[in-house]
Amino acid sequence: MAIRLRTVDGYRIALCAVESDPKDGDLYLDDNDHYALAAKFAWDWQDETIDMIYGLQWELMETQKVRDAEEELQKWLDGRG
């Protein structure tokens, strides 16, 4: 999925592009960029137990969400989007 990188309260966070509106200073990464990063993270963490929690960053991500991606997808699939 396309994502936006944004700084909120001094913390760099990643947002779903569908769920957020663009703001000055955002860095937009398209589906191909996201896929490449996901492949890199999978490579870096292969055979490792992933149990990291990013409480503050996840809270900040929620503050930037203006719509739900699953609802937007359903609208698109229903021909309403």
PDB file of N, CA and C in Angstrom:
ATOM      1  N   MET A   1       0.835  -1.174   0.000  1.00  0.00           N
ATOM      2  CA  MET A   1       0.000   0.000   0.000  1.00  0.00           C
ATOM      3  C   MET A   1       0.877   1.234   0.000  1.00  0.00           C
ATOM      4  N   ALA A   2       0.405   2.284  -0.604  1.00  0.00           N
ATOM      5  CA  ALA A   2       1.138   3.544  -0.602  1.00  0.00           C
ATOM      6  C   ALA A   2       1.120   4.132   0.806  1.00  0.00           C
ATOM      7  N   ILE A   3       2.236   4.731   1.181  1.00  0.00           N
ATOM      8  CA  ILE A   3       2.327   5.304   2.521  1.00  0.00           C
ATOM      9  C   ILE A   3       2.874   6.724   2.464  1.00  0.00           C
ATOM     10  N   ARG A   4       2.615   7.454   3.537  1.00  0.00           N
ATOM     11  CA  ARG A   4       3.198   8.779   3.717  1.00  0.00           C
ATOM     12  C   ARG A   4       4.089   8.715   4.952  1.00  0.00           C
ATOM     13  N   LEU A   5       5.282   9.264   4.847  1.00  0.00           N
ATOM     14  CA  LEU A   5       6.141   9.440   6.008  1.00  0.00           C
ATOM     15  C   LEU A   5       5.936  10.870   6.485  1.00  0.00           C
ATOM     16  N   ARG A   6       5.689  11.017   7.789  1.00  0.00           N
ATOM     17  CA  ARG A   6       5.362  12.335   8.346  1.00  0.00           C
ATOM     18  C   ARG A   6       6.004  12.457   9.719  1.00  0.00           C
ATOM     19  N   THR A   7       6.387  13.664  10.073  1.00  0.00           N
ATOM     20  CA  THR A   7       6.884  13.940  11.412  1.00  0.00           C
ATOM     21  C   THR A   7       5.761  14.578  12.216  1.00  0.00           C
ATOM     22  N   VAL A   8       5.437  13.953  13.351  1.00  0.00           N
ATOM     23  CA  VAL A   8       4.400  14.438  14.257  1.00  0.00           C
ATOM     24  C   VAL A   8       5.013  14.521  15.652  1.00  0.00           C
ATOM     25  N   ASP A   9       4.962  15.688  16.245  1.00  0.00           N
ATOM     26  CA  ASP A   9       5.520  15.901  17.588  1.00  0.00           C
ATOM     27  C   ASP A   9       6.967  15.438  17.687  1.00  0.00           C
ATOM     28  N   GLY A  10       7.723  15.607  16.595  1.00  0.00           N
ATOM     29  CA  GLY A  10       9.131  15.248  16.591  1.00  0.00           C
ATOM     30  C   GLY A  10       9.430  13.790  16.297  1.00  0.00           C
ATOM     31  N   TYR A  11       8.403  12.980  16.057  1.00  0.00           N
ATOM     32  CA  TYR A  11       8.585  11.556  15.757  1.00  0.00           C
ATOM     33  C   TYR A  11       8.225  11.286  14.311  1.00  0.00           C
ATOM     34  N   ARG A  12       9.054  10.513  13.628  1.00  0.00           N
ATOM     35  CA  ARG A  12       8.790  10.122  12.248  1.00  0.00           C
ATOM     36  C   ARG A  12       7.883   8.899  12.267  1.00  0.00           C
ATOM     37  N   ILE A  13       6.770   8.988  11.548  1.00  0.00           N
ATOM     38  CA  ILE A  13       5.816   7.885  11.495  1.00  0.00           C
ATOM     39  C   ILE A  13       5.449   7.593  10.043  1.00  0.00           C
ATOM     40  N   ALA A  14       4.935   6.403   9.817  1.00  0.00           N
ATOM     41  CA  ALA A  14       4.449   5.993   8.501  1.00  0.00           C
ATOM     42  C   ALA A  14       2.939   5.861   8.568  1.00  0.00           C
ATOM     43  N   LEU A  15       2.262   6.379   7.554  1.00  0.00           N
ATOM     44  CA  LEU A  15       0.806   6.381   7.518  1.00  0.00           C
ATOM     45  C   LEU A  15       0.308   5.733   6.243  1.00  0.00           C
ATOM     46  N   CYS A  16      -0.820   5.084   6.318  1.00  0.00           N
ATOM     47  CA  CYS A  16      -1.490   4.605   5.115  1.00  0.00           C
ATOM     48  C   CYS A  16      -1.919   5.838   4.318  1.00  0.00           C
ATOM     49  N   ALA A  17      -1.550   5.903   3.057  1.00  0.00           N
ATOM     50  CA  ALA A  17      -1.884   7.072   2.237  1.00  0.00           C
ATOM     51  C   ALA A  17      -3.386   7.216   2.034  1.00  0.00           C
ATOM     52  N   VAL A  18      -4.110   6.103   2.009  1.00  0.00           N
ATOM     53  CA  VAL A  18      -5.568   6.153   1.841  1.00  0.00           C
ATOM     54  C   VAL A  18      -6.229   6.743   3.081  1.00  0.00           C
ATOM     55  N   GLU A  19      -5.674   6.442   4.245  1.00  0.00           N
ATOM     56  CA  GLU A  19      -6.289   6.863   5.493  1.00  0.00           C
ATOM     57  C   GLU A  19      -5.883   8.258   5.945  1.00  0.00           C
ATOM     58  N   SER A  20      -4.975   8.896   5.218  1.00  0.00           N
ATOM     59  CA  SER A  20      -4.494  10.221   5.601  1.00  0.00           C
ATOM     60  C   SER A  20      -4.535  11.159   4.403  1.00  0.00           C
ATOM     61  N   ASP A  21      -4.612  12.442   4.701  1.00  0.00           N
ATOM     62  CA  ASP A  21      -4.549  13.460   3.659  1.00  0.00           C
ATOM     63  C   ASP A  21      -3.129  14.001   3.595  1.00  0.00           C
ATOM     64  N   PRO A  22      -2.670  14.395   2.406  1.00  0.00           N
ATOM     65  CA  PRO A  22      -1.303  14.915   2.295  1.00  0.00           C
ATOM     66  C   PRO A  22      -1.131  16.217   3.069  1.00  0.00           C
ATOM     67  N   LYS A  23       0.058  16.385   3.643  1.00  0.00           N
ATOM     68  CA  LYS A  23       0.434  17.614   4.344  1.00  0.00           C
ATOM     69  C   LYS A  23       1.820  18.024   3.882  1.00  0.00           C
ATOM     70  N   ASP A  24       2.101  19.306   3.986  1.00  0.00           N
ATOM     71  CA  ASP A  24       3.439  19.796   3.655  1.00  0.00           C
ATOM     72  C   ASP A  24       4.478  19.044   4.469  1.00  0.00           C
ATOM     73  N   GLY A  25       5.543  18.637   3.811  1.00  0.00           N
ATOM     74  CA  GLY A  25       6.627  17.925   4.469  1.00  0.00           C
ATOM     75  C   GLY A  25       6.515  16.416   4.410  1.00  0.00           C
ATOM     76  N   ASP A  26       5.372  15.899   3.980  1.00  0.00           N
ATOM     77  CA  ASP A  26       5.221  14.447   3.840  1.00  0.00           C
ATOM     78  C   ASP A  26       6.144  13.918   2.749  1.00  0.00           C
ATOM     79  N   LEU A  27       6.599  12.709   2.922  1.00  0.00           N
ATOM     80  CA  LEU A  27       7.293  11.983   1.873  1.00  0.00           C
ATOM     81  C   LEU A  27       6.366  10.856   1.447  1.00  0.00           C
ATOM     82  N   TYR A  28       5.962  10.853   0.183  1.00  0.00           N
ATOM     83  CA  TYR A  28       5.024   9.856  -0.337  1.00  0.00           C
ATOM     84  C   TYR A  28       5.796   8.695  -0.930  1.00  0.00           C
ATOM     85  N   LEU A  29       5.441   7.482  -0.531  1.00  0.00           N
ATOM     86  CA  LEU A  29       6.031   6.270  -1.082  1.00  0.00           C
ATOM     87  C   LEU A  29       4.922   5.459  -1.733  1.00  0.00           C
ATOM     88  N   ASP A  30       5.106   5.123  -3.001  1.00  0.00           N
ATOM     89  CA  ASP A  30       4.064   4.377  -3.704  1.00  0.00           C
ATOM     90  C   ASP A  30       4.131   2.889  -3.351  1.00  0.00           C
ATOM     91  N   ASP A  31       3.240   2.117  -3.950  1.00  0.00           N
ATOM     92  CA  ASP A  31       3.165   0.683  -3.662  1.00  0.00           C
ATOM     93  C   ASP A  31       4.500  -0.015  -3.884  1.00  0.00           C
ATOM     94  N   ASN A  32       5.209   0.349  -4.944  1.00  0.00           N
ATOM     95  CA  ASN A  32       6.494  -0.294  -5.247  1.00  0.00           C
ATOM     96  C   ASN A  32       7.533   0.019  -4.179  1.00  0.00           C
ATOM     97  N   ASP A  33       7.564   1.271  -3.697  1.00  0.00           N
ATOM     98  CA  ASP A  33       8.492   1.647  -2.629  1.00  0.00           C
ATOM     99  C   ASP A  33       8.181   0.858  -1.356  1.00  0.00           C
ATOM    100  N   HIS A  34       6.896   0.776  -1.021  1.00  0.00           N
ATOM    101  CA  HIS A  34       6.487   0.055   0.187  1.00  0.00           C
ATOM    102  C   HIS A  34       6.868  -1.423   0.084  1.00  0.00           C
ATOM    103  N   TYR A  35       6.628  -2.014  -1.079  1.00  0.00           N
ATOM    104  CA  TYR A  35       6.981  -3.413  -1.301  1.00  0.00           C
ATOM    105  C   TYR A  35       8.489  -3.623  -1.119  1.00  0.00           C
ATOM    106  N   ALA A  36       9.282  -2.712  -1.667  1.00  0.00           N
ATOM    107  CA  ALA A  36      10.735  -2.829  -1.548  1.00  0.00           C
ATOM    108  C   ALA A  36      11.166  -2.746  -0.084  1.00  0.00           C
ATOM    109  N   LEU A  37      10.571  -1.831   0.675  1.00  0.00           N
ATOM    110  CA  LEU A  37      10.905  -1.715   2.090  1.00  0.00           C
ATOM    111  C   LEU A  37      10.453  -2.947   2.869  1.00  0.00           C
ATOM    112  N   ALA A  38       9.266  -3.460   2.571  1.00  0.00           N
ATOM    113  CA  ALA A  38       8.775  -4.658   3.248  1.00  0.00           C
ATOM    114  C   ALA A  38       9.717  -5.838   2.991  1.00  0.00           C
ATOM    115  N   ALA A  39      10.197  -5.968   1.760  1.00  0.00           N
ATOM    116  CA  ALA A  39      11.139  -7.035   1.429  1.00  0.00           C
ATOM    117  C   ALA A  39      12.437  -6.866   2.219  1.00  0.00           C
ATOM    118  N   LYS A  40      12.909  -5.639   2.350  1.00  0.00           N
ATOM    119  CA  LYS A  40      14.139  -5.367   3.100  1.00  0.00           C
ATOM    120  C   LYS A  40      13.955  -5.701   4.577  1.00  0.00           C
ATOM    121  N   PHE A  41      12.821  -5.288   5.169  1.00  0.00           N
ATOM    122  CA  PHE A  41      12.576  -5.591   6.580  1.00  0.00           C
ATOM    123  C   PHE A  41      12.469  -7.095   6.795  1.00  0.00           C
ATOM    124  N   ALA A  42      11.797  -7.790   5.887  1.00  0.00           N
ATOM    125  CA  ALA A  42      11.677  -9.249   5.991  1.00  0.00           C
ATOM    126  C   ALA A  42      13.062  -9.895   5.920  1.00  0.00           C
ATOM    127  N   TRP A  43      13.903  -9.375   5.037  1.00  0.00           N
ATOM    128  CA  TRP A  43      15.276  -9.883   4.914  1.00  0.00           C
ATOM    129  C   TRP A  43      16.044  -9.659   6.216  1.00  0.00           C
ATOM    130  N   ASP A  44      15.950  -8.435   6.749  1.00  0.00           N
ATOM    131  CA  ASP A  44      16.678  -8.096   7.975  1.00  0.00           C
ATOM    132  C   ASP A  44      16.238  -8.926   9.166  1.00  0.00           C
ATOM    133  N   TRP A  45      14.946  -9.241   9.244  1.00  0.00           N
ATOM    134  CA  TRP A  45      14.396  -9.884  10.424  1.00  0.00           C
ATOM    135  C   TRP A  45      14.059 -11.358  10.209  1.00  0.00           C
ATOM    136  N   GLN A  46      14.496 -11.949   9.097  1.00  0.00           N
ATOM    137  CA  GLN A  46      14.171 -13.348   8.855  1.00  0.00           C
ATOM    138  C   GLN A  46      14.715 -14.216   9.988  1.00  0.00           C
ATOM    139  N   ASP A  47      13.929 -15.206  10.353  1.00  0.00           N
ATOM    140  CA  ASP A  47      14.270 -16.160  11.412  1.00  0.00           C
ATOM    141  C   ASP A  47      14.341 -15.524  12.802  1.00  0.00           C
ATOM    142  N   GLU A  48      13.829 -14.308  12.942  1.00  0.00           N
ATOM    143  CA  GLU A  48      13.795 -13.640  14.239  1.00  0.00           C
ATOM    144  C   GLU A  48      12.355 -13.586  14.741  1.00  0.00           C
ATOM    145  N   THR A  49      12.196 -13.623  16.038  1.00  0.00           N
ATOM    146  CA  THR A  49      10.881 -13.426  16.626  1.00  0.00           C
ATOM    147  C   THR A  49      10.610 -11.929  16.660  1.00  0.00           C
ATOM    148  N   ILE A  50       9.513 -11.527  16.050  1.00  0.00           N
ATOM    149  CA  ILE A  50       9.165 -10.109  15.998  1.00  0.00           C
ATOM    150  C   ILE A  50       8.072  -9.854  17.024  1.00  0.00           C
ATOM    151  N   ASP A  51       8.416  -9.159  18.079  1.00  0.00           N
ATOM    152  CA  ASP A  51       7.426  -8.837  19.099  1.00  0.00           C
ATOM    153  C   ASP A  51       7.580  -7.387  19.571  1.00  0.00           C
ATOM    154  N   MET A  52       8.051  -6.561  18.662  1.00  0.00           N
ATOM    155  CA  MET A  52       8.276  -5.163  19.005  1.00  0.00           C
ATOM    156  C   MET A  52       6.946  -4.418  19.117  1.00  0.00           C
ATOM    157  N   ILE A  53       6.893  -3.479  20.031  1.00  0.00           N
ATOM    158  CA  ILE A  53       5.719  -2.627  20.193  1.00  0.00           C
ATOM    159  C   ILE A  53       6.189  -1.183  20.122  1.00  0.00           C
ATOM    160  N   TYR A  54       5.534  -0.415  19.289  1.00  0.00           N
ATOM    161  CA  TYR A  54       5.866   0.998  19.101  1.00  0.00           C
ATOM    162  C   TYR A  54       4.690   1.842  19.582  1.00  0.00           C
ATOM    163  N   GLY A  55       4.395   1.751  20.881  1.00  0.00           N
ATOM    164  CA  GLY A  55       3.212   2.387  21.441  1.00  0.00           C
ATOM    165  C   GLY A  55       3.042   3.847  21.076  1.00  0.00           C
ATOM    166  N   LEU A  56       4.057   4.665  21.305  1.00  0.00           N
ATOM    167  CA  LEU A  56       3.945   6.095  21.016  1.00  0.00           C
ATOM    168  C   LEU A  56       3.739   6.341  19.534  1.00  0.00           C
ATOM    169  N   GLN A  57       4.525   5.693  18.688  1.00  0.00           N
ATOM    170  CA  GLN A  57       4.385   5.888  17.245  1.00  0.00           C
ATOM    171  C   GLN A  57       3.010   5.431  16.766  1.00  0.00           C
ATOM    172  N   TRP A  58       2.512   4.306  17.281  1.00  0.00           N
ATOM    173  CA  TRP A  58       1.198   3.815  16.870  1.00  0.00           C
ATOM    174  C   TRP A  58       0.104   4.780  17.312  1.00  0.00           C
ATOM    175  N   GLU A  59       0.250   5.371  18.497  1.00  0.00           N
ATOM    176  CA  GLU A  59      -0.722   6.375  18.950  1.00  0.00           C
ATOM    177  C   GLU A  59      -0.712   7.592  18.036  1.00  0.00           C
ATOM    178  N   LEU A  60       0.476   8.038  17.654  1.00  0.00           N
ATOM    179  CA  LEU A  60       0.587   9.187  16.750  1.00  0.00           C
ATOM    180  C   LEU A  60      -0.009   8.867  15.384  1.00  0.00           C
ATOM    181  N   MET A  61       0.195   7.645  14.900  1.00  0.00           N
ATOM    182  CA  MET A  61      -0.395   7.247  13.620  1.00  0.00           C
ATOM    183  C   MET A  61      -1.915   7.394  13.669  1.00  0.00           C
ATOM    184  N   GLU A  62      -2.511   6.963  14.765  1.00  0.00           N
ATOM    185  CA  GLU A  62      -3.969   7.054  14.908  1.00  0.00           C
ATOM    186  C   GLU A  62      -4.458   8.494  14.868  1.00  0.00           C
ATOM    187  N   THR A  63      -3.655   9.437  15.372  1.00  0.00           N
ATOM    188  CA  THR A  63      -4.084  10.839  15.376  1.00  0.00           C
ATOM    189  C   THR A  63      -4.154  11.430  13.981  1.00  0.00           C
ATOM    190  N   GLN A  64      -3.516  10.798  13.011  1.00  0.00           N
ATOM    191  CA  GLN A  64      -3.467  11.318  11.646  1.00  0.00           C
ATOM    192  C   GLN A  64      -4.473  10.652  10.721  1.00  0.00           C
ATOM    193  N   LYS A  65      -5.130   9.626  11.194  1.00  0.00           N
ATOM    194  CA  LYS A  65      -6.079   8.862  10.377  1.00  0.00           C
ATOM    195  C   LYS A  65      -7.374   9.648  10.195  1.00  0.00           C
ATOM    196  N   VAL A  66      -7.776   9.859   8.946  1.00  0.00           N
ATOM    197  CA  VAL A  66      -9.008  10.609   8.665  1.00  0.00           C
ATOM    198  C   VAL A  66     -10.080   9.740   8.011  1.00  0.00           C
ATOM    199  N   ARG A  67      -9.719   8.524   7.615  1.00  0.00           N
ATOM    200  CA  ARG A  67     -10.688   7.593   7.030  1.00  0.00           C
ATOM    201  C   ARG A  67     -10.130   6.186   7.175  1.00  0.00           C
ATOM    202  N   ASP A  68     -10.961   5.185   6.954  1.00  0.00           N
ATOM    203  CA  ASP A  68     -10.557   3.799   7.110  1.00  0.00           C
ATOM    204  C   ASP A  68     -10.307   3.164   5.740  1.00  0.00           C
ATOM    205  N   ALA A  69      -9.160   2.555   5.561  1.00  0.00           N
ATOM    206  CA  ALA A  69      -8.785   1.972   4.274  1.00  0.00           C
ATOM    207  C   ALA A  69      -9.729   0.855   3.845  1.00  0.00           C
ATOM    208  N   GLU A  70     -10.168   0.025   4.783  1.00  0.00           N
ATOM    209  CA  GLU A  70     -11.071  -1.074   4.428  1.00  0.00           C
ATOM    210  C   GLU A  70     -12.414  -0.535   3.947  1.00  0.00           C
ATOM    211  N   GLU A  71     -12.912   0.510   4.587  1.00  0.00           N
ATOM    212  CA  GLU A  71     -14.164   1.121   4.147  1.00  0.00           C
ATOM    213  C   GLU A  71     -14.007   1.747   2.760  1.00  0.00           C
ATOM    214  N   GLU A  72     -12.877   2.390   2.521  1.00  0.00           N
ATOM    215  CA  GLU A  72     -12.626   2.992   1.212  1.00  0.00           C
ATOM    216  C   GLU A  72     -12.545   1.924   0.125  1.00  0.00           C
ATOM    217  N   LEU A  73     -11.906   0.809   0.432  1.00  0.00           N
ATOM    218  CA  LEU A  73     -11.828  -0.292  -0.524  1.00  0.00           C
ATOM    219  C   LEU A  73     -13.219  -0.819  -0.836  1.00  0.00           C
ATOM    220  N   GLN A  74     -14.032  -0.996   0.190  1.00  0.00           N
ATOM    221  CA  GLN A  74     -15.380  -1.510  -0.035  1.00  0.00           C
ATOM    222  C   GLN A  74     -16.195  -0.552  -0.894  1.00  0.00           C
ATOM    223  N   LYS A  75     -16.072   0.751  -0.664  1.00  0.00           N
ATOM    224  CA  LYS A  75     -16.756   1.750  -1.510  1.00  0.00           C
ATOM    225  C   LYS A  75     -16.315   1.591  -2.968  1.00  0.00           C
ATOM    226  N   TRP A  76     -15.006   1.418  -3.156  1.00  0.00           N
ATOM    227  CA  TRP A  76     -14.467   1.287  -4.501  1.00  0.00           C
ATOM    228  C   TRP A  76     -15.024   0.016  -5.161  1.00  0.00           C
ATOM    229  N   LEU A  77     -15.037  -1.078  -4.413  1.00  0.00           N
ATOM    230  CA  LEU A  77     -15.531  -2.342  -4.946  1.00  0.00           C
ATOM    231  C   LEU A  77     -17.028  -2.264  -5.263  1.00  0.00           C
ATOM    232  N   ASP A  78     -17.754  -1.489  -4.471  1.00  0.00           N
ATOM    233  CA  ASP A  78     -19.207  -1.315  -4.680  1.00  0.00           C
ATOM    234  C   ASP A  78     -19.513  -0.277  -5.763  1.00  0.00           C
ATOM    235  N   GLY A  79     -18.472   0.367  -6.303  1.00  0.00           N
ATOM    236  CA  GLY A  79     -18.682   1.391  -7.331  1.00  0.00           C
ATOM    237  C   GLY A  79     -19.100   2.737  -6.770  1.00  0.00           C
ATOM    238  N   ARG A  80     -18.877   2.969  -5.462  1.00  0.00           N
ATOM    239  CA  ARG A  80     -19.256   4.218  -4.825  1.00  0.00           C
ATOM    240  C   ARG A  80     -18.070   5.134  -4.598  1.00  0.00           C
ATOM    241  N   GLY A  81     -16.876   4.654  -4.908  1.00  0.00           N
ATOM    242  CA  GLY A  81     -15.701   5.436  -4.576  1.00  0.00           C
ATOM    243  C   GLY A  81     -15.054   6.096  -5.740  1.00  0.00           C
TER     244      GLY A  81
END
